Every structure is written in structure tokens, then in C-alpha cells.
């Protein structure tokens, strides 16, 4: 999914608003457990100037949109996404104003005709008045000053050094995992938090490049995806990941092994999302349970009796080197 954290349109993270004395540049602070990559936009003659990406580590702040004169009543637009290092796919902090972005670092003056410029469209949130001076990205866990430690814990997990949860408190489990990572990576003792976060992100990006199940969207617009797989002896289905056109999400982070018998190592299902509604994926052969909102459903039988609906999931191919990449296109959906 691409799961989304701003509390707008039913999403489940918060945009914490901070006010400071008037400053000469806008500041964005990251109080989440994820490395955030931020794009900003502001009105100029001929359209909207948009630039990205400003990387903001957990627990840090960066100045952004320095060209904006905060003494003028000019709104600033922000969109943020998490680094690709994390196993659960990209998280987003977004609003309702569509503006253009590119995958790599970019600066562009554009209107809303993003596709004509070879750019993607993302929904930015708006900051106006004194709220422009300081914006805080946050999660429901509200790590606050603990976000730096929480960010290290989450990256340790993504890099293959498990800890006892992501809570922002540096207990013995976290210290042991850091020591194991430093020894494995050949890094000296007591690096700064920034250096540790950068090294962990690099390791996680390398480790997770091909493992697990990656679903890529080559349809003409957004999709919402779900996955079915076995955990221990229990089958379960889980969703939803929101995946933009031309992008991918990792639905399963662990290495996949070839399943025994007639079962596949995992199954996928998706729905094409548009302003006119949702269209189901076709071609599935194995029933799993679904819910309309974010869900985890154990077992794949008696769905209706347990308050779920049922959908036919597609089996994924046998994994190679612990990973499978599946691509869906427009004609994979009803009416496509």
C-alpha cells in the first residue's frame, strides 16, 4: 500500500502543526520513525515552482522553500514520502492539491499537466500564514523527541537486525542490535546518530533490493493492492497498499521460499482506483478474505461468516533468490 500517514480523507497519520516566531525560511521537522523525502511548491508567474527532494532524517529539521518570502501571504505546498529502505513500502504525507514531481531530484515550474512534462502527480498539503514557518511530520505513535531513536530502531529492523519493537526508547535490545550492525559493517564505535542512520539506510536498501514480494503498477492510474500468504501454519490476507502508476511497493519483506503442494508462496489481488470507482483484478484462482478498509484476515475460508467479503487472488511465480516481482497493467482489471 502505499500506506499514507496524514490524517486527511481517513488516512492514519497526523500532520502536527508547529508555530514559531517569524523566520526567514520555512522549516520542516521529521518526528516520525522514517527518513522522509520532501518536495515543496509555491506559486510563481507561469505556474507553480516545485522542487524536491529534501532528505530529512528522523528527529531532524531542514529549511525548505527558501525562495518564498514569508512576509507575503503566499501559501507553501508540501508532499513527503519515506525512503525506499523500508520493508512495508513507501509511506506518504499528503493532502489534496495535485502538483508535479519527478523520481530523482528536480526543480520545475509546472501547472497540473504533469504527464505532458513526463512527470508524476502527487497530492500536496497546504501551509498558510504563520503555519508556513514550521511544519512537523508525525505518526500516530507520536514519537516527538524520541523520533531519532525510533528511526534507528526501524532501520535496524529493515537492515536485518531485529529489535523488540519501535518505541523510541534505547533499551538493551536496541543497543545490542546497534553493536551487531557496527561490527558487521566495520564501523567504529559511537558514530553520530546521523552517520548511523545513513549507514543503516544504505544496508537496508542493499538488503531489500530484490527480497520478498514486490508489486509494480503499470496501469494508467492508482491501484490498491492486497496480499495473501502463509504465516507459520496459518494463511492470512492483508491490505491495502496504495501504489501510484509507474511505481512499485514491497508487499512482503521477508525472503520467499517455494511452497509445497499446489500452493504458491504468495498471492496478490488489486483494484484499479479512479474517480468513477474501483475495478477488480481479473484472473485470480484462489479465494481470500477482504475488508474495505485496512485489514488483516486470518484463514481464507468462511469469509462472509466472519464479516469479510471474498476475492480471487492471483498466485505469484516461484521466487528467485528469495524474491518475486509482479507487474499489473490496465488490462488486468475489469473493463480494462
Protein backbone atom coordinates (compact mmCIF):
# COMPACT_ATOMS: atom_id res chain seq x y z
CA UNK A 1 0.00 0.00 0.00
CA UNK A 2 1.34 2.51 -0.26
CA UNK A 3 0.09 3.31 3.34
CA UNK A 4 -0.43 7.04 3.99
CA UNK A 5 0.01 8.85 7.26
CA UNK A 6 -1.59 12.33 7.04
CA UNK A 7 -4.94 12.48 8.79
CA UNK A 8 -6.79 13.64 5.68
CA UNK A 9 -9.54 11.68 3.93
CA UNK A 10 -9.46 8.91 6.54
CA UNK A 11 -5.69 8.36 6.49
CA UNK A 12 -3.99 7.34 9.68
CA UNK A 13 -1.11 9.65 10.48
CA UNK A 14 -1.08 13.18 11.68
CA UNK A 15 0.32 16.39 10.37
CA UNK A 16 1.38 18.15 13.53
CA UNK A 17 1.33 21.89 13.14
CA UNK A 18 4.01 23.95 14.84
CA UNK A 19 4.24 27.70 15.29
CA UNK A 20 7.42 29.62 15.89
CA UNK A 21 8.47 33.24 15.75
CA UNK A 22 8.62 34.57 12.20
CA UNK A 23 11.65 33.23 10.37
CA UNK A 24 13.24 33.88 7.00
CA UNK A 25 12.85 30.32 5.71
CA UNK A 26 10.29 27.57 6.07
CA UNK A 27 11.35 24.68 8.28
CA UNK A 28 10.15 21.09 8.09
CA UNK A 29 10.79 18.75 11.02
CA UNK A 30 10.57 14.98 10.98
CA UNK A 31 9.15 13.46 14.17
CA UNK A 32 8.43 10.11 12.54
CA UNK A 33 10.45 6.88 12.58
CA UNK A 34 11.05 7.11 8.81
CA UNK A 35 13.56 9.00 6.71
CA UNK A 36 11.38 11.49 4.84
CA UNK A 37 11.98 12.92 1.37
CA UNK A 38 10.14 16.22 0.95
CA UNK A 39 9.01 18.23 -2.07
CA UNK A 40 7.78 21.83 -1.82
CA UNK A 41 5.87 24.12 -4.16
CA UNK A 42 4.85 27.78 -4.27
CA UNK A 43 3.09 30.00 -6.78
CA UNK A 44 5.18 31.90 -9.36
CA UNK A 45 4.42 33.57 -12.66
CA UNK A 46 3.52 30.87 -15.16
CA UNK A 47 2.53 28.17 -12.69
CA UNK A 48 3.92 26.63 -9.52
CA UNK A 49 7.61 26.27 -8.74
CA UNK A 50 8.17 22.80 -7.33
CA UNK A 51 11.42 21.31 -6.06
CA UNK A 52 12.47 18.06 -4.41
CA UNK A 53 13.80 16.11 -2.76
CA UNK A 54 14.97 17.36 0.62
CA UNK A 55 16.01 14.40 2.79
CA UNK A 56 15.08 14.76 6.46
CA UNK A 57 16.29 12.15 8.95
CA UNK A 58 14.09 11.16 11.91
CA UNK A 59 14.49 13.70 14.68
CA UNK A 60 15.95 16.41 12.43
CA UNK A 61 14.71 19.62 10.78
CA UNK A 62 15.66 21.17 7.45
CA UNK A 63 14.97 24.51 5.84
CA UNK A 64 13.00 24.27 2.63
CA UNK A 65 11.39 26.57 0.06
CA UNK A 66 13.95 29.27 0.83
CA UNK A 67 12.83 31.30 -2.19
CA UNK A 68 9.46 32.01 -0.55
CA UNK A 69 9.08 35.40 1.13
CA UNK A 70 7.31 34.59 4.38
CA UNK A 71 6.36 38.24 4.82
CA UNK A 72 3.99 37.82 1.88
CA UNK A 73 0.69 35.95 2.08
CA UNK A 74 1.89 33.16 -0.15
CA UNK A 75 0.97 29.54 0.64
CA UNK A 76 3.53 26.74 0.51
CA UNK A 77 2.66 23.22 -0.65
CA UNK A 78 4.37 20.14 0.76
CA UNK A 79 4.45 16.45 -0.06
CA UNK A 80 6.62 13.89 1.73
CA UNK A 81 7.39 10.22 1.23
CA UNK A 82 9.53 7.71 3.08
CA UNK A 83 12.83 6.30 1.86
CA UNK A 84 12.71 3.08 -0.16
CA UNK A 85 14.70 1.35 2.58
CA UNK A 86 11.65 0.13 4.49
CA UNK A 87 10.04 -3.25 4.02
CA UNK A 88 6.42 -2.15 4.12
CA UNK A 89 6.52 0.05 1.04
CA UNK A 90 6.57 3.81 0.70
CA UNK A 91 4.66 5.91 3.25
CA UNK A 92 3.26 9.29 2.26
CA UNK A 93 2.35 12.54 3.96
CA UNK A 94 -0.01 14.28 1.59
CA UNK A 95 -3.08 16.42 1.15
CA UNK A 96 -5.48 17.26 -1.67
CA UNK A 97 -3.65 19.64 -4.05
CA UNK A 98 -2.23 17.80 -7.13
CA UNK A 99 1.21 19.01 -8.22
CA UNK A 100 4.03 17.55 -10.31
CA UNK A 101 7.05 15.60 -9.05
CA UNK A 102 9.89 13.61 -10.57
CA UNK A 103 11.56 10.47 -9.19
CA UNK A 104 15.04 12.00 -8.96
CA UNK A 105 15.96 15.42 -7.58
CA UNK A 106 14.15 18.06 -9.61
CA UNK A 107 13.22 21.73 -10.00
CA UNK A 108 10.35 22.61 -12.29
CA UNK A 109 7.76 25.30 -12.92
CA UNK A 110 4.58 23.50 -13.86
CA UNK A 111 0.83 23.59 -13.81
CA UNK A 112 -1.25 20.45 -13.29
CA UNK A 113 -0.43 18.94 -16.71
CA UNK A 114 2.22 16.68 -15.23
CA UNK A 115 2.03 13.81 -17.72
CA UNK A 116 2.75 16.17 -20.63
CA UNK A 117 6.01 17.08 -18.90
CA UNK A 118 6.94 13.47 -18.22
CA UNK A 119 6.25 13.95 -14.51
CA UNK A 120 4.05 12.18 -11.97
CA UNK A 121 1.30 13.87 -9.95
CA UNK A 122 1.14 13.84 -6.14
CA UNK A 123 -1.33 15.40 -3.72
CA UNK A 124 0.37 18.13 -1.68
CA UNK A 125 -0.89 19.62 1.58
CA UNK A 126 -1.07 23.38 2.08
CA UNK A 127 0.55 25.61 4.73
CA UNK A 128 -0.58 29.21 5.03
CA UNK A 129 0.15 32.23 7.22
CA UNK A 130 2.32 31.60 10.28
CA UNK A 131 1.87 27.85 9.79
CA UNK A 132 4.35 28.07 6.91
CA UNK A 133 7.25 28.75 9.26
CA UNK A 134 7.42 25.30 10.84
CA UNK A 135 5.78 22.06 9.74
CA UNK A 136 6.11 18.81 11.66
CA UNK A 137 5.64 15.38 10.10
CA UNK A 138 4.38 12.88 12.67
CA UNK A 139 2.87 9.43 13.11
CA UNK A 140 0.10 8.15 15.39
CA UNK A 141 2.76 6.83 17.79
CA UNK A 142 3.77 10.48 18.44
CA UNK A 143 7.47 9.84 18.99
CA UNK A 144 8.30 13.55 19.37
CA UNK A 145 11.82 13.87 20.79
CA UNK A 146 12.18 10.07 20.62
CA UNK A 147 11.87 10.02 16.82
CA UNK A 148 15.63 9.78 16.25
CA UNK A 149 15.89 6.59 18.30
CA UNK A 150 12.67 5.26 16.77
CA UNK A 151 14.16 5.90 13.31
CA UNK A 152 17.28 3.93 14.20
CA UNK A 153 15.14 1.06 15.51
CA UNK A 154 13.04 0.90 12.34
CA UNK A 155 16.12 0.93 10.12
CA UNK A 156 17.74 -1.80 12.23
CA UNK A 157 14.73 -3.99 11.52
CA UNK A 158 14.79 -3.21 7.80
CA UNK A 159 18.53 -3.90 7.66
CA UNK A 160 18.10 -7.35 9.26
CA UNK A 161 18.99 -6.56 12.90
CA UNK A 162 15.75 -7.15 14.84
CA UNK A 163 14.86 -5.17 17.95
CA UNK A 164 11.99 -5.52 20.40
CA UNK A 165 9.73 -3.08 18.65
CA UNK A 166 9.92 0.54 17.51
CA UNK A 167 9.18 2.68 20.56
CA UNK A 168 11.87 5.36 20.64
CA UNK A 169 13.48 4.09 23.83
CA UNK A 170 17.05 2.84 23.57
CA UNK A 171 16.91 -0.32 25.66
CA UNK A 172 19.27 -3.27 25.76
CA UNK A 173 17.71 -4.87 22.66
CA UNK A 174 18.41 -1.75 20.59
CA UNK A 175 21.94 -1.36 21.92
CA UNK A 176 22.77 -4.99 21.13
CA UNK A 177 21.37 -4.66 17.59
CA UNK A 178 23.41 -1.49 17.01
CA UNK A 179 26.56 -3.25 18.23
CA UNK A 180 25.93 -6.18 15.89
CA UNK A 181 25.39 -3.86 12.95
CA UNK A 182 28.51 -1.78 13.68
CA UNK A 183 30.63 -4.92 13.94
CA UNK A 184 29.21 -6.38 10.73
CA UNK A 185 29.57 -3.11 8.82
CA UNK A 186 33.08 -2.43 10.10
CA UNK A 187 32.07 0.93 11.54
CA UNK A 188 33.83 2.34 14.59
CA UNK A 189 32.09 2.60 17.93
CA UNK A 190 29.81 5.52 18.85
CA UNK A 191 29.02 7.03 15.45
CA UNK A 192 26.70 10.02 15.44
CA UNK A 193 23.00 9.31 15.04
CA UNK A 194 23.13 10.86 11.55
CA UNK A 195 26.03 8.63 10.47
CA UNK A 196 24.33 5.56 11.94
CA UNK A 197 21.04 6.33 10.18
CA UNK A 198 22.83 6.84 6.84
CA UNK A 199 24.76 3.57 7.17
CA UNK A 200 21.65 1.63 8.17
CA UNK A 201 19.66 3.07 5.26
CA UNK A 202 22.40 2.03 2.81
CA UNK A 203 22.43 -1.50 4.25
CA UNK A 204 18.64 -1.77 4.16
CA UNK A 205 18.46 -0.55 0.55
CA UNK A 206 21.04 -3.13 -0.47
CA UNK A 207 19.46 -5.95 1.52
CA UNK A 208 15.91 -5.35 0.37
CA UNK A 209 16.57 -4.70 -3.30
CA UNK A 210 15.07 -7.99 -4.50
CA UNK A 211 13.78 -9.94 -1.48
CA UNK A 212 10.12 -10.58 -0.72
CA UNK A 213 7.18 -9.74 -2.97
CA UNK A 214 7.28 -6.54 -5.00
CA UNK A 215 4.17 -5.44 -6.90
CA UNK A 216 4.61 -2.90 -9.71
CA UNK A 217 1.80 -0.83 -11.18
CA UNK A 218 1.92 -0.27 -14.95
CA UNK A 219 -1.79 0.59 -15.17
CA UNK A 220 -2.99 4.03 -16.20
CA UNK A 221 -3.63 5.21 -12.65
CA UNK A 222 -3.51 4.24 -8.97
CA UNK A 223 -4.24 0.77 -7.65
CA UNK A 224 -4.92 -0.59 -4.17
CA UNK A 225 -3.30 -3.96 -3.53
CA UNK A 226 -3.63 -6.81 -1.08
CA UNK A 227 -1.55 -9.93 -0.49
CA UNK A 228 -2.25 -13.45 0.75
CA UNK A 229 0.45 -15.65 2.27
CA UNK A 230 1.12 -18.22 4.96
CA UNK A 231 2.48 -17.22 8.36
CA UNK A 232 3.59 -20.36 10.23
CA UNK A 233 0.67 -22.73 9.60
CA UNK A 234 -1.99 -20.03 9.09
CA UNK A 235 -2.99 -18.41 5.83
CA UNK A 236 -3.76 -14.71 6.03
CA UNK A 237 -4.64 -11.83 3.73
CA UNK A 238 -3.54 -8.25 4.29
CA UNK A 239 -4.23 -4.88 2.63
CA UNK A 240 -4.29 -2.21 1.40
CA UNK A 241 -1.22 -0.73 -0.31
CA UNK A 242 -1.88 2.30 -2.49
CA UNK A 243 0.51 2.17 -5.49
CA UNK A 244 0.76 5.03 -7.95
CA UNK A 245 1.07 4.42 -11.71
CA UNK A 246 4.65 3.60 -12.66
CA UNK A 247 5.67 2.74 -9.09
CA UNK A 248 6.22 -0.41 -7.03
CA UNK A 249 5.61 -1.45 -3.42
CA UNK A 250 7.05 -4.28 -1.36
CA UNK A 251 4.08 -6.24 -0.02
CA UNK A 252 6.17 -8.90 1.74
CA UNK A 253 9.56 -8.04 3.16
CA UNK A 254 10.82 -11.46 4.17
CA UNK A 255 12.53 -13.83 1.76
CA UNK A 256 10.10 -16.09 -0.08
CA UNK A 257 10.59 -19.82 -0.45
CA UNK A 258 8.96 -22.16 -2.93
CA UNK A 259 5.74 -23.51 -1.42
CA UNK A 260 4.91 -27.18 -1.29
CA UNK A 261 1.98 -28.92 -2.96
CA UNK A 262 -0.39 -26.87 -5.10
CA UNK A 263 0.14 -23.65 -3.15
CA UNK A 264 2.13 -20.67 -4.37
CA UNK A 265 4.48 -18.81 -2.00
CA UNK A 266 2.07 -15.85 -2.07
CA UNK A 267 -0.99 -14.47 -3.83
CA UNK A 268 -1.88 -10.94 -4.92
CA UNK A 269 -5.05 -9.00 -5.58
CA UNK A 270 -5.57 -5.39 -6.65
CA UNK A 271 -8.29 -2.94 -7.54
CA UNK A 272 -7.91 -0.13 -10.06
CA UNK A 273 -8.80 3.15 -8.32
CA UNK A 274 -10.28 6.12 -10.19
CA UNK A 275 -12.79 8.92 -9.69
CA UNK A 276 -15.50 6.65 -11.09
CA UNK A 277 -14.90 3.90 -8.53
CA UNK A 278 -12.85 0.70 -8.21
CA UNK A 279 -12.42 -2.12 -10.73
CA UNK A 280 -11.35 -5.57 -9.56
CA UNK A 281 -8.39 -7.55 -10.83
CA UNK A 282 -9.33 -10.48 -13.06
CA UNK A 283 -7.67 -13.86 -13.50
CA UNK A 284 -7.43 -14.89 -9.85
CA UNK A 285 -7.96 -18.53 -8.88
CA UNK A 286 -7.64 -18.64 -5.07
CA UNK A 287 -10.15 -17.11 -2.65
CA UNK A 288 -9.03 -14.92 0.25
CA UNK A 289 -10.91 -12.60 2.60
CA UNK A 290 -11.10 -8.83 2.13
CA UNK A 291 -12.31 -5.78 4.05
CA UNK A 292 -12.97 -2.30 2.60
CA UNK A 293 -10.52 -0.55 4.95
CA UNK A 294 -7.05 -1.58 6.06
CA UNK A 295 -7.22 -5.18 7.31
CA UNK A 296 -5.51 -8.41 8.32
CA UNK A 297 -7.69 -11.51 7.97
CA UNK A 298 -6.59 -14.95 9.19
CA UNK A 299 -7.53 -18.04 7.18
CA UNK A 300 -9.09 -17.94 3.73
CA UNK A 301 -12.42 -19.70 4.33
CA UNK A 302 -15.79 -18.68 5.78
CA UNK A 303 -15.09 -15.03 4.96
CA UNK A 304 -18.74 -13.88 4.90
CA UNK A 305 -19.48 -15.54 8.24
CA UNK A 306 -16.65 -13.53 9.78
CA UNK A 307 -17.72 -10.19 8.32
CA UNK A 308 -15.41 -10.15 5.26
CA UNK A 309 -16.02 -10.22 1.55
CA UNK A 310 -14.19 -12.62 -0.78
CA UNK A 311 -11.98 -12.01 -3.80
CA UNK A 312 -9.96 -14.23 -6.12
CA UNK A 313 -6.23 -13.64 -5.71
CA UNK A 314 -3.61 -14.48 -8.35
CA UNK A 315 -0.78 -16.82 -7.48
CA UNK A 316 2.72 -15.38 -7.88
CA UNK A 317 5.55 -17.20 -9.69
CA UNK A 318 8.20 -19.24 -7.92
CA UNK A 319 10.72 -16.93 -6.21
CA UNK A 320 14.24 -16.38 -7.48
CA UNK A 321 16.89 -15.61 -4.84
CA UNK A 322 14.14 -15.14 -2.27
CA UNK A 323 12.15 -12.62 -4.23
CA UNK A 324 9.33 -12.20 -6.76
CA UNK A 325 8.39 -9.13 -8.81
CA UNK A 326 4.84 -8.99 -10.21
CA UNK A 327 3.59 -6.33 -12.64
CA UNK A 328 -0.05 -5.44 -13.27
CA UNK A 329 -1.33 -3.48 -16.27
CA UNK A 330 -4.56 -1.77 -17.24
CA UNK A 331 -5.96 -4.85 -18.98
CA UNK A 332 -5.60 -6.87 -15.75
CA UNK A 333 -8.72 -5.14 -14.38
CA UNK A 334 -12.40 -5.45 -15.21
CA UNK A 335 -13.21 -3.32 -18.23
CA UNK A 336 -9.51 -2.69 -18.93
